[in-house]
Amino acid sequence: MAKILLVDDEYSIKKVVEQTLVRDGHDLEYAADGLEAQKKFEQTKFDLVILDVMLPGIDGFELCRRWREVSRMPILILSAKNDIVDKTVGFNQGADDYLTKPFSPVELALRVKALLRRSQPADSEQKYCISLPGLEINGLEHTVKVNGKPVDITPKEFDMLWFLARHPGQVFTRQQLFEQVWQEEAVGDVNTVTVFIRKLREKIEQDPSKPRYLKTVWGLGYKFAKD
């Protein structure tokens, strides 16, 4: 059972999320505006947050930015918008996933389950450390260093980097990466992968326009190059 905070000012959304997550055995707390959400966050340790974008008081993007600075808990953004610009803003602020309203309760349950599972180191594979020139990826601590300096990286960004780095030279399509990182099949938008690759390049590559490690294989997908 996970302790989850829902932040949304729509009562209909609250009822759908509450019915879905409580049925799955989770403990759900609710905040109807940004100020109340910030107060609850400061008082309670949550395993996951479901966060609307348009909120009274403090908007969801600002809350996401604040919370990512001090916590690695998964953050699922809810929004009525489905454009790449809005998604990019959310991921730039540290969100792990993005769900567009109206949404299916089944899809919500799948995404919550996947986020919770991926936020917990589950197997021995994550105990390894990958050290390359100018880049160190620690699977046990979920940390990344570039030239010896820690890099601020979100859980989902780490998951994608770790998966690619554990399979050097192997080409993966965006769909394959989406399914590996989000543990879902054809549920979300594979363009999310493009956003994450771009953000990772900005964080680990000396020249993101000419990446050393995260390579694009045109017409196919992406691969991690060790050499």
C-alpha atoms as a PDB file:
ATOM      1  CA  MET A   1       0.000   0.000   0.000  1.00  0.00           C
ATOM      2  CA  ALA A   2       1.298   3.427  -0.946  1.00  0.00           C
ATOM      3  CA  LYS A   3       0.517   6.827   0.528  1.00  0.00           C
ATOM      4  CA  ILE A   4      -0.581   9.034  -2.373  1.00  0.00           C
ATOM      5  CA  LEU A   5      -1.418  12.738  -2.542  1.00  0.00           C
ATOM      6  CA  LEU A   6      -3.959  13.895  -5.133  1.00  0.00           C
ATOM      7  CA  VAL A   7      -3.921  17.606  -5.928  1.00  0.00           C
ATOM      8  CA  ASP A   8      -6.879  18.649  -8.088  1.00  0.00           C
ATOM      9  CA  ASP A   9      -9.696  21.180  -7.735  1.00  0.00           C
ATOM     10  CA  GLU A  10     -12.256  19.130  -9.710  1.00  0.00           C
ATOM     11  CA  TYR A  11     -14.547  17.041  -7.500  1.00  0.00           C
ATOM     12  CA  SER A  12     -15.326  14.618 -10.348  1.00  0.00           C
ATOM     13  CA  ILE A  13     -11.599  13.875 -10.764  1.00  0.00           C
ATOM     14  CA  LYS A  14     -11.269  13.369  -7.024  1.00  0.00           C
ATOM     15  CA  LYS A  15     -14.031  10.754  -7.028  1.00  0.00           C
ATOM     16  CA  VAL A  16     -12.580   8.819  -9.974  1.00  0.00           C
ATOM     17  CA  VAL A  17      -9.053   8.785  -8.532  1.00  0.00           C
ATOM     18  CA  GLU A  18     -10.283   7.955  -5.051  1.00  0.00           C
ATOM     19  CA  GLN A  19     -12.395   5.009  -6.224  1.00  0.00           C
ATOM     20  CA  THR A  20      -9.576   3.686  -8.405  1.00  0.00           C
ATOM     21  CA  LEU A  21      -6.693   3.929  -5.938  1.00  0.00           C
ATOM     22  CA  VAL A  22      -8.519   3.042  -2.724  1.00  0.00           C
ATOM     23  CA  ARG A  23      -9.832  -0.075  -4.481  1.00  0.00           C
ATOM     24  CA  ASP A  24      -6.200  -0.992  -5.196  1.00  0.00           C
ATOM     25  CA  GLY A  25      -5.399  -0.652  -1.505  1.00  0.00           C
ATOM     26  CA  HIS A  26      -3.663   2.733  -1.488  1.00  0.00           C
ATOM     27  CA  ASP A  27      -4.006   5.429   1.167  1.00  0.00           C
ATOM     28  CA  LEU A  28      -5.145   8.633  -0.570  1.00  0.00           C
ATOM     29  CA  GLU A  29      -4.965  12.183   0.743  1.00  0.00           C
ATOM     30  CA  TYR A  30      -6.508  15.094  -1.109  1.00  0.00           C
ATOM     31  CA  ALA A  31      -5.754  18.782  -1.624  1.00  0.00           C
ATOM     32  CA  ALA A  32      -7.965  21.106  -3.680  1.00  0.00           C
ATOM     33  CA  ASP A  33      -5.449  23.917  -4.207  1.00  0.00           C
ATOM     34  CA  GLY A  34      -1.732  24.584  -4.380  1.00  0.00           C
ATOM     35  CA  LEU A  35      -1.372  26.124  -0.942  1.00  0.00           C
ATOM     36  CA  GLU A  36      -3.091  23.194   0.768  1.00  0.00           C
ATOM     37  CA  ALA A  37      -0.971  20.774  -1.260  1.00  0.00           C
ATOM     38  CA  GLN A  38       2.258  22.490  -0.213  1.00  0.00           C
ATOM     39  CA  LYS A  39       1.218  22.305   3.432  1.00  0.00           C
ATOM     40  CA  LYS A  40       0.395  18.586   3.201  1.00  0.00           C
ATOM     41  CA  PHE A  41       3.682  17.901   1.424  1.00  0.00           C
ATOM     42  CA  GLU A  42       5.610  19.586   4.227  1.00  0.00           C
ATOM     43  CA  GLN A  43       3.766  17.603   6.897  1.00  0.00           C
ATOM     44  CA  THR A  44       3.639  14.119   5.349  1.00  0.00           C
ATOM     45  CA  LYS A  45       5.961  11.805   3.439  1.00  0.00           C
ATOM     46  CA  PHE A  46       4.175  10.599   0.296  1.00  0.00           C
ATOM     47  CA  ASP A  47       5.145   7.736  -1.983  1.00  0.00           C
ATOM     48  CA  LEU A  48       3.609   9.399  -5.053  1.00  0.00           C
ATOM     49  CA  VAL A  49       1.798  12.589  -6.051  1.00  0.00           C
ATOM     50  CA  ILE A  50      -0.895  13.028  -8.707  1.00  0.00           C
ATOM     51  CA  LEU A  51      -0.781  16.699  -9.573  1.00  0.00           C
ATOM     52  CA  ASP A  52      -3.148  18.840 -11.650  1.00  0.00           C
ATOM     53  CA  VAL A  53      -1.593  21.715 -13.602  1.00  0.00           C
ATOM     54  CA  MET A  54      -4.254  24.411 -13.276  1.00  0.00           C
ATOM     55  CA  LEU A  55      -4.694  25.016  -9.562  1.00  0.00           C
ATOM     56  CA  PRO A  56      -5.774  27.908  -7.330  1.00  0.00           C
ATOM     57  CA  GLY A  57      -3.026  29.375  -5.179  1.00  0.00           C
ATOM     58  CA  ILE A  58       0.100  27.736  -6.639  1.00  0.00           C
ATOM     59  CA  ASP A  59       0.011  26.081 -10.051  1.00  0.00           C
ATOM     60  CA  GLY A  60       1.028  22.470 -10.556  1.00  0.00           C
ATOM     61  CA  PHE A  61       4.203  23.197 -12.519  1.00  0.00           C
ATOM     62  CA  GLU A  62       5.528  25.375  -9.690  1.00  0.00           C
ATOM     63  CA  LEU A  63       4.673  22.740  -7.091  1.00  0.00           C
ATOM     64  CA  CYS A  64       6.403  20.105  -9.205  1.00  0.00           C
ATOM     65  CA  ARG A  65       9.529  22.249  -9.433  1.00  0.00           C
ATOM     66  CA  ARG A  66       9.614  22.870  -5.670  1.00  0.00           C
ATOM     67  CA  TRP A  67       9.054  19.260  -4.712  1.00  0.00           C
ATOM     68  CA  ARG A  68      11.575  17.841  -7.161  1.00  0.00           C
ATOM     69  CA  GLU A  69      14.269  19.973  -5.535  1.00  0.00           C
ATOM     70  CA  VAL A  70      13.823  18.151  -2.213  1.00  0.00           C
ATOM     71  CA  SER A  71      12.255  14.772  -3.053  1.00  0.00           C
ATOM     72  CA  ARG A  72      12.597  11.854  -5.459  1.00  0.00           C
ATOM     73  CA  MET A  73       8.982  10.695  -5.082  1.00  0.00           C
ATOM     74  CA  PRO A  74       7.257   9.994  -8.419  1.00  0.00           C
ATOM     75  CA  ILE A  75       5.110  12.857  -9.719  1.00  0.00           C
ATOM     76  CA  LEU A  76       2.279  12.204 -12.180  1.00  0.00           C
ATOM     77  CA  ILE A  77       1.011  15.353 -13.893  1.00  0.00           C
ATOM     78  CA  LEU A  78      -2.670  15.669 -14.841  1.00  0.00           C
ATOM     79  CA  SER A  79      -3.650  18.162 -17.528  1.00  0.00           C
ATOM     80  CA  ALA A  80      -6.455  18.963 -19.944  1.00  0.00           C
ATOM     81  CA  LYS A  81      -3.773  19.837 -22.510  1.00  0.00           C
ATOM     82  CA  ASN A  82      -2.178  17.232 -24.756  1.00  0.00           C
ATOM     83  CA  ASP A  83       0.470  19.216 -26.638  1.00  0.00           C
ATOM     84  CA  ILE A  84       4.190  18.583 -26.622  1.00  0.00           C
ATOM     85  CA  VAL A  85       4.981  22.077 -25.260  1.00  0.00           C
ATOM     86  CA  ASP A  86       2.886  21.540 -22.147  1.00  0.00           C
ATOM     87  CA  LYS A  87       4.388  18.098 -21.624  1.00  0.00           C
ATOM     88  CA  THR A  88       7.886  19.474 -22.052  1.00  0.00           C
ATOM     89  CA  VAL A  89       7.231  22.078 -19.355  1.00  0.00           C
ATOM     90  CA  GLY A  90       6.032  19.365 -16.994  1.00  0.00           C
ATOM     91  CA  PHE A  91       9.023  17.114 -17.596  1.00  0.00           C
ATOM     92  CA  ASN A  92      11.388  20.075 -17.337  1.00  0.00           C
ATOM     93  CA  GLN A  93      10.020  20.738 -13.856  1.00  0.00           C
ATOM     94  CA  GLY A  94      10.765  17.140 -12.847  1.00  0.00           C
ATOM     95  CA  ALA A  95       7.556  15.217 -13.547  1.00  0.00           C
ATOM     96  CA  ASP A  96       7.884  11.473 -14.123  1.00  0.00           C
ATOM     97  CA  ASP A  97       4.739  10.952 -16.153  1.00  0.00           C
ATOM     98  CA  TYR A  98       1.923  12.913 -17.769  1.00  0.00           C
ATOM     99  CA  LEU A  99      -1.744  11.935 -18.103  1.00  0.00           C
ATOM    100  CA  THR A 100      -4.285  13.875 -20.139  1.00  0.00           C
ATOM    101  CA  LYS A 101      -7.849  14.486 -18.976  1.00  0.00           C
ATOM    102  CA  PRO A 102     -10.253  12.810 -19.444  1.00  0.00           C
ATOM    103  CA  PHE A 103      -8.464   9.563 -18.630  1.00  0.00           C
ATOM    104  CA  SER A 104      -9.393   5.943 -18.118  1.00  0.00           C
ATOM    105  CA  PRO A 105      -9.319   4.693 -14.505  1.00  0.00           C
ATOM    106  CA  VAL A 106      -7.568   1.566 -15.799  1.00  0.00           C
ATOM    107  CA  GLU A 107      -4.846   3.685 -17.390  1.00  0.00           C
ATOM    108  CA  LEU A 108      -4.438   5.687 -14.192  1.00  0.00           C
ATOM    109  CA  ALA A 109      -4.059   2.492 -12.147  1.00  0.00           C
ATOM    110  CA  LEU A 110      -1.472   1.147 -14.586  1.00  0.00           C
ATOM    111  CA  ARG A 111       0.583   4.316 -14.478  1.00  0.00           C
ATOM    112  CA  VAL A 112       0.477   4.555 -10.691  1.00  0.00           C
ATOM    113  CA  LYS A 113       1.515   0.919 -10.385  1.00  0.00           C
ATOM    114  CA  ALA A 114       4.385   1.399 -12.827  1.00  0.00           C
ATOM    115  CA  LEU A 115       5.635   4.580 -11.132  1.00  0.00           C
ATOM    116  CA  LEU A 116       5.585   2.981  -7.690  1.00  0.00           C
ATOM    117  CA  ARG A 117       7.360  -0.128  -8.926  1.00  0.00           C
ATOM    118  CA  ARG A 118      10.054   1.805 -10.750  1.00  0.00           C
ATOM    119  CA  SER A 119      10.678   4.089  -7.779  1.00  0.00           C
ATOM    120  CA  GLN A 120      11.827   1.121  -5.697  1.00  0.00           C
ATOM    121  CA  PRO A 121      15.152  -0.589  -6.513  1.00  0.00           C
ATOM    122  CA  ALA A 122      13.838  -4.068  -7.241  1.00  0.00           C
ATOM    123  CA  ASP A 123      16.643  -6.291  -8.406  1.00  0.00           C
ATOM    124  CA  SER A 124      20.371  -6.898  -8.194  1.00  0.00           C
ATOM    125  CA  GLU A 125      20.939  -5.327 -11.606  1.00  0.00           C
ATOM    126  CA  GLN A 126      20.555  -1.909 -10.004  1.00  0.00           C
ATOM    127  CA  LYS A 127      23.500  -2.571  -7.666  1.00  0.00           C
ATOM    128  CA  TYR A 128      26.057  -2.085 -10.406  1.00  0.00           C
ATOM    129  CA  CYS A 129      27.991   1.063 -11.164  1.00  0.00           C
ATOM    130  CA  ILE A 130      28.809   2.049 -14.735  1.00  0.00           C
ATOM    131  CA  SER A 131      31.945   4.179 -15.038  1.00  0.00           C
ATOM    132  CA  LEU A 132      32.896   5.782 -18.339  1.00  0.00           C
ATOM    133  CA  PRO A 133      35.088   8.744 -19.306  1.00  0.00           C
ATOM    134  CA  GLY A 134      33.402  11.756 -17.756  1.00  0.00           C
ATOM    135  CA  LEU A 135      30.290   9.795 -16.760  1.00  0.00           C
ATOM    136  CA  GLU A 136      29.395   7.637 -13.756  1.00  0.00           C
ATOM    137  CA  ILE A 137      26.014   5.952 -13.276  1.00  0.00           C
ATOM    138  CA  ASN A 138      25.328   4.371  -9.884  1.00  0.00           C
ATOM    139  CA  GLY A 139      22.480   1.868 -10.055  1.00  0.00           C
ATOM    140  CA  LEU A 140      22.299   1.352  -6.302  1.00  0.00           C
ATOM    141  CA  GLU A 141      22.108   5.017  -5.341  1.00  0.00           C
ATOM    142  CA  HIS A 142      20.300   6.132  -8.521  1.00  0.00           C
ATOM    143  CA  THR A 143      22.829   8.898  -9.049  1.00  0.00           C
ATOM    144  CA  VAL A 144      24.719  10.252 -12.028  1.00  0.00           C
ATOM    145  CA  LYS A 145      27.977  12.200 -12.063  1.00  0.00           C
ATOM    146  CA  VAL A 146      29.457  14.094 -14.986  1.00  0.00           C
ATOM    147  CA  ASN A 147      33.166  14.856 -14.665  1.00  0.00           C
ATOM    148  CA  GLY A 148      32.892  13.944 -10.981  1.00  0.00           C
ATOM    149  CA  LYS A 149      30.049  16.357 -10.255  1.00  0.00           C
ATOM    150  CA  PRO A 150      26.540  15.143  -9.293  1.00  0.00           C
ATOM    151  CA  VAL A 151      23.810  15.740 -11.843  1.00  0.00           C
ATOM    152  CA  ASP A 152      20.243  16.573 -10.843  1.00  0.00           C
ATOM    153  CA  ILE A 153      18.258  13.772 -12.477  1.00  0.00           C
ATOM    154  CA  THR A 154      14.657  12.640 -12.048  1.00  0.00           C
ATOM    155  CA  PRO A 155      13.744   8.991 -11.334  1.00  0.00           C
ATOM    156  CA  LYS A 156      12.338   8.444 -14.814  1.00  0.00           C
ATOM    157  CA  GLU A 157      15.351  10.059 -16.472  1.00  0.00           C
ATOM    158  CA  PHE A 158      17.567   7.737 -14.467  1.00  0.00           C
ATOM    159  CA  ASP A 159      15.501   4.699 -15.454  1.00  0.00           C
ATOM    160  CA  MET A 160      15.888   5.492 -19.142  1.00  0.00           C
ATOM    161  CA  LEU A 161      19.618   6.229 -18.896  1.00  0.00           C
ATOM    162  CA  TRP A 162      20.232   3.116 -16.792  1.00  0.00           C
ATOM    163  CA  PHE A 163      18.356   0.869 -19.196  1.00  0.00           C
ATOM    164  CA  LEU A 164      20.227   2.184 -22.249  1.00  0.00           C
ATOM    165  CA  ALA A 165      23.593   2.083 -20.480  1.00  0.00           C
ATOM    166  CA  ARG A 166      22.992  -1.538 -19.434  1.00  0.00           C
ATOM    167  CA  HIS A 167      22.536  -2.454 -23.110  1.00  0.00           C
ATOM    168  CA  PRO A 168      25.383  -0.596 -24.868  1.00  0.00           C
ATOM    169  CA  GLY A 169      25.280  -0.588 -28.645  1.00  0.00           C
ATOM    170  CA  GLN A 170      21.774  -2.038 -28.817  1.00  0.00           C
ATOM    171  CA  VAL A 171      19.224   0.052 -30.717  1.00  0.00           C
ATOM    172  CA  PHE A 172      15.794   0.563 -29.151  1.00  0.00           C
ATOM    173  CA  THR A 173      12.743   2.134 -30.749  1.00  0.00           C
ATOM    174  CA  ARG A 174      10.831   4.811 -28.881  1.00  0.00           C
ATOM    175  CA  GLN A 175       8.031   2.309 -28.290  1.00  0.00           C
ATOM    176  CA  GLN A 176      10.449  -0.212 -26.780  1.00  0.00           C
ATOM    177  CA  LEU A 177      11.971   2.408 -24.496  1.00  0.00           C
ATOM    178  CA  PHE A 178       8.543   3.600 -23.419  1.00  0.00           C
ATOM    179  CA  GLU A 179       7.455   0.076 -22.531  1.00  0.00           C
ATOM    180  CA  GLN A 180      10.707  -0.630 -20.656  1.00  0.00           C
ATOM    181  CA  VAL A 181      10.767   2.571 -18.625  1.00  0.00           C
ATOM    182  CA  TRP A 182       7.062   2.985 -17.943  1.00  0.00           C
ATOM    183  CA  GLN A 183       6.337  -0.772 -17.821  1.00  0.00           C
ATOM    184  CA  GLU A 184       3.267  -0.298 -20.002  1.00  0.00           C
ATOM    185  CA  GLU A 185       2.332  -1.433 -23.465  1.00  0.00           C
ATOM    186  CA  ALA A 186       0.957   1.165 -25.899  1.00  0.00           C
ATOM    187  CA  VAL A 187      -0.697   3.146 -23.101  1.00  0.00           C
ATOM    188  CA  GLY A 188       1.099   6.469 -23.322  1.00  0.00           C
ATOM    189  CA  ASP A 189       2.630   8.834 -25.848  1.00  0.00           C
ATOM    190  CA  VAL A 190       5.975   7.587 -27.174  1.00  0.00           C
ATOM    191  CA  ASN A 191       6.926  11.216 -27.942  1.00  0.00           C
ATOM    192  CA  THR A 192       7.632  11.339 -24.213  1.00  0.00           C
ATOM    193  CA  VAL A 193      10.787   9.326 -24.954  1.00  0.00           C
ATOM    194  CA  THR A 194      12.037  12.061 -27.310  1.00  0.00           C
ATOM    195  CA  VAL A 195      11.608  14.653 -24.567  1.00  0.00           C
ATOM    196  CA  PHE A 196      13.498  12.514 -22.051  1.00  0.00           C
ATOM    197  CA  ILE A 197      16.381  11.804 -24.431  1.00  0.00           C
ATOM    198  CA  ARG A 198      16.766  15.517 -25.081  1.00  0.00           C
ATOM    199  CA  LYS A 199      16.785  16.325 -21.355  1.00  0.00           C
ATOM    200  CA  LEU A 200      19.316  13.577 -20.646  1.00  0.00           C
ATOM    201  CA  ARG A 201      21.623  14.879 -23.371  1.00  0.00           C
ATOM    202  CA  GLU A 202      21.451  18.347 -21.846  1.00  0.00           C
ATOM    203  CA  LYS A 203      22.518  16.887 -18.509  1.00  0.00           C
ATOM    204  CA  ILE A 204      25.227  14.354 -19.404  1.00  0.00           C
ATOM    205  CA  GLU A 205      26.631  15.335 -22.792  1.00  0.00           C
ATOM    206  CA  GLN A 206      29.388  17.913 -23.220  1.00  0.00           C
ATOM    207  CA  ASP A 207      27.749  18.956 -26.498  1.00  0.00           C
ATOM    208  CA  PRO A 208      24.068  17.850 -26.618  1.00  0.00           C
ATOM    209  CA  SER A 209      23.928  18.553 -30.360  1.00  0.00           C
ATOM    210  CA  LYS A 210      26.773  16.073 -30.887  1.00  0.00           C
ATOM    211  CA  PRO A 211      26.158  13.428 -28.201  1.00  0.00           C
ATOM    212  CA  ARG A 212      28.915  11.046 -27.223  1.00  0.00           C
ATOM    213  CA  TYR A 213      26.768   8.527 -25.374  1.00  0.00           C
ATOM    214  CA  LEU A 214      23.076   8.918 -26.269  1.00  0.00           C
ATOM    215  CA  LYS A 215      23.081   8.363 -30.009  1.00  0.00           C
ATOM    216  CA  THR A 216      20.189   8.679 -32.459  1.00  0.00           C
ATOM    217  CA  VAL A 217      19.962   5.902 -35.030  1.00  0.00           C
ATOM    218  CA  TRP A 218      17.932   7.603 -37.740  1.00  0.00           C
ATOM    219  CA  GLY A 219      14.763   5.801 -38.714  1.00  0.00           C
ATOM    220  CA  LEU A 220      15.156   3.302 -35.876  1.00  0.00           C
ATOM    221  CA  GLY A 221      15.550   4.837 -32.431  1.00  0.00           C
ATOM    222  CA  TYR A 222      18.315   5.368 -29.863  1.00  0.00           C
ATOM    223  CA  LYS A 223      21.346   3.557 -28.488  1.00  0.00           C
ATOM    224  CA  PHE A 224      23.976   4.067 -25.790  1.00  0.00           C
ATOM    225  CA  ALA A 225      27.520   4.194 -27.128  1.00  0.00           C
ATOM    226  CA  LYS A 226      30.298   3.288 -24.682  1.00  0.00           C
ATOM    227  CA  ASP A 227      33.167   3.958 -27.108  1.00  0.00           C
END
